[in-house]
């Protein structure tokens, strides 16, 4: 199974917000995407660590 490192979300520019009180605001959406990314990154790193410590096939000499 190939692991793919998650890609962080792009942070919106200040100009991306219209400042009219939208719900959700582009910054709210970014914060949600960032939280998802952080969970996915933690899972990715845990999978890498598990793979590094798991016994693999015998190596040939």
C-alpha atoms as a PDB file:
ATOM      1  CA  UNK A   1       0.000   0.000   0.000  1.00  0.00           C
ATOM      2  CA  UNK A   2       1.445   3.346  -1.039  1.00  0.00           C
ATOM      3  CA  UNK A   3       1.220   6.179   1.445  1.00  0.00           C
ATOM      4  CA  UNK A   4       0.713   9.676   0.145  1.00  0.00           C
ATOM      5  CA  UNK A   5       1.575  12.652   2.299  1.00  0.00           C
ATOM      6  CA  UNK A   6      -1.462  14.918   2.648  1.00  0.00           C
ATOM      7  CA  UNK A   7      -1.273  18.339   1.054  1.00  0.00           C
ATOM      8  CA  UNK A   8      -1.953  21.331   3.288  1.00  0.00           C
ATOM      9  CA  UNK A   9      -4.797  23.637   2.312  1.00  0.00           C
ATOM     10  CA  UNK A  10      -4.004  26.999   0.784  1.00  0.00           C
ATOM     11  CA  UNK A  11      -4.490  29.856   3.205  1.00  0.00           C
ATOM     12  CA  UNK A  12      -6.845  32.504   1.829  1.00  0.00           C
ATOM     13  CA  UNK A  13      -5.555  36.018   1.330  1.00  0.00           C
ATOM     14  CA  UNK A  14      -7.058  38.849   3.355  1.00  0.00           C
ATOM     15  CA  UNK A  15      -8.640  40.114   0.137  1.00  0.00           C
ATOM     16  CA  UNK A  16     -10.522  36.813  -0.247  1.00  0.00           C
ATOM     17  CA  UNK A  17     -12.833  37.793   2.601  1.00  0.00           C
ATOM     18  CA  UNK A  18     -15.690  40.108   1.636  1.00  0.00           C
ATOM     19  CA  UNK A  19     -16.156  41.227   5.264  1.00  0.00           C
ATOM     20  CA  UNK A  20     -19.921  40.960   5.019  1.00  0.00           C
ATOM     21  CA  UNK A  21     -20.266  38.322   7.725  1.00  0.00           C
ATOM     22  CA  UNK A  22     -20.714  35.303   5.468  1.00  0.00           C
ATOM     23  CA  UNK A  23     -21.383  32.041   7.236  1.00  0.00           C
ATOM     24  CA  UNK A  24     -19.173  30.248   6.611  1.00  0.00           C
ATOM     25  CA  UNK A  25     -16.420  32.742   5.877  1.00  0.00           C
ATOM     26  CA  UNK A  26     -13.497  31.690   3.675  1.00  0.00           C
ATOM     27  CA  UNK A  27     -11.381  31.738   6.827  1.00  0.00           C
ATOM     28  CA  UNK A  28     -13.807  29.383   8.586  1.00  0.00           C
ATOM     29  CA  UNK A  29     -13.541  26.991   5.635  1.00  0.00           C
ATOM     30  CA  UNK A  30      -9.762  27.245   5.769  1.00  0.00           C
ATOM     31  CA  UNK A  31      -9.702  26.464   9.500  1.00  0.00           C
ATOM     32  CA  UNK A  32     -11.878  23.379   8.891  1.00  0.00           C
ATOM     33  CA  UNK A  33      -9.632  22.244   6.046  1.00  0.00           C
ATOM     34  CA  UNK A  34      -6.542  22.842   8.189  1.00  0.00           C
ATOM     35  CA  UNK A  35      -7.981  20.731  11.017  1.00  0.00           C
ATOM     36  CA  UNK A  36      -8.705  17.891   8.540  1.00  0.00           C
ATOM     37  CA  UNK A  37      -5.183  18.207   7.145  1.00  0.00           C
ATOM     38  CA  UNK A  38      -3.637  18.006  10.616  1.00  0.00           C
ATOM     39  CA  UNK A  39      -5.598  14.811  11.378  1.00  0.00           C
ATOM     40  CA  UNK A  40      -4.631  13.294   8.024  1.00  0.00           C
ATOM     41  CA  UNK A  41      -0.988  14.267   8.564  1.00  0.00           C
ATOM     42  CA  UNK A  42      -0.969  12.672  12.023  1.00  0.00           C
ATOM     43  CA  UNK A  43      -2.442   9.469  10.565  1.00  0.00           C
ATOM     44  CA  UNK A  44       0.125   9.528   7.746  1.00  0.00           C
ATOM     45  CA  UNK A  45       3.009   9.979  10.179  1.00  0.00           C
ATOM     46  CA  UNK A  46       1.672   7.180  12.412  1.00  0.00           C
ATOM     47  CA  UNK A  47       1.429   4.869   9.407  1.00  0.00           C
ATOM     48  CA  UNK A  48       5.011   5.706   8.422  1.00  0.00           C
ATOM     49  CA  UNK A  49       6.230   5.015  11.945  1.00  0.00           C
ATOM     50  CA  UNK A  50       4.331   1.722  12.054  1.00  0.00           C
ATOM     51  CA  UNK A  51       5.757   0.740   8.696  1.00  0.00           C
ATOM     52  CA  UNK A  52       9.291   1.571   9.846  1.00  0.00           C
ATOM     53  CA  UNK A  53       9.004  -0.644  12.919  1.00  0.00           C
ATOM     54  CA  UNK A  54       7.065  -3.507  11.299  1.00  0.00           C
ATOM     55  CA  UNK A  55       9.096  -6.578  10.445  1.00  0.00           C
ATOM     56  CA  UNK A  56       9.666  -6.774   6.730  1.00  0.00           C
ATOM     57  CA  UNK A  57      10.688  -9.588   4.412  1.00  0.00           C
ATOM     58  CA  UNK A  58      14.088 -11.127   5.047  1.00  0.00           C
ATOM     59  CA  UNK A  59      16.870  -9.279   3.304  1.00  0.00           C
ATOM     60  CA  UNK A  60      19.184 -11.143   0.982  1.00  0.00           C
ATOM     61  CA  UNK A  61      22.897 -10.957   1.477  1.00  0.00           C
END
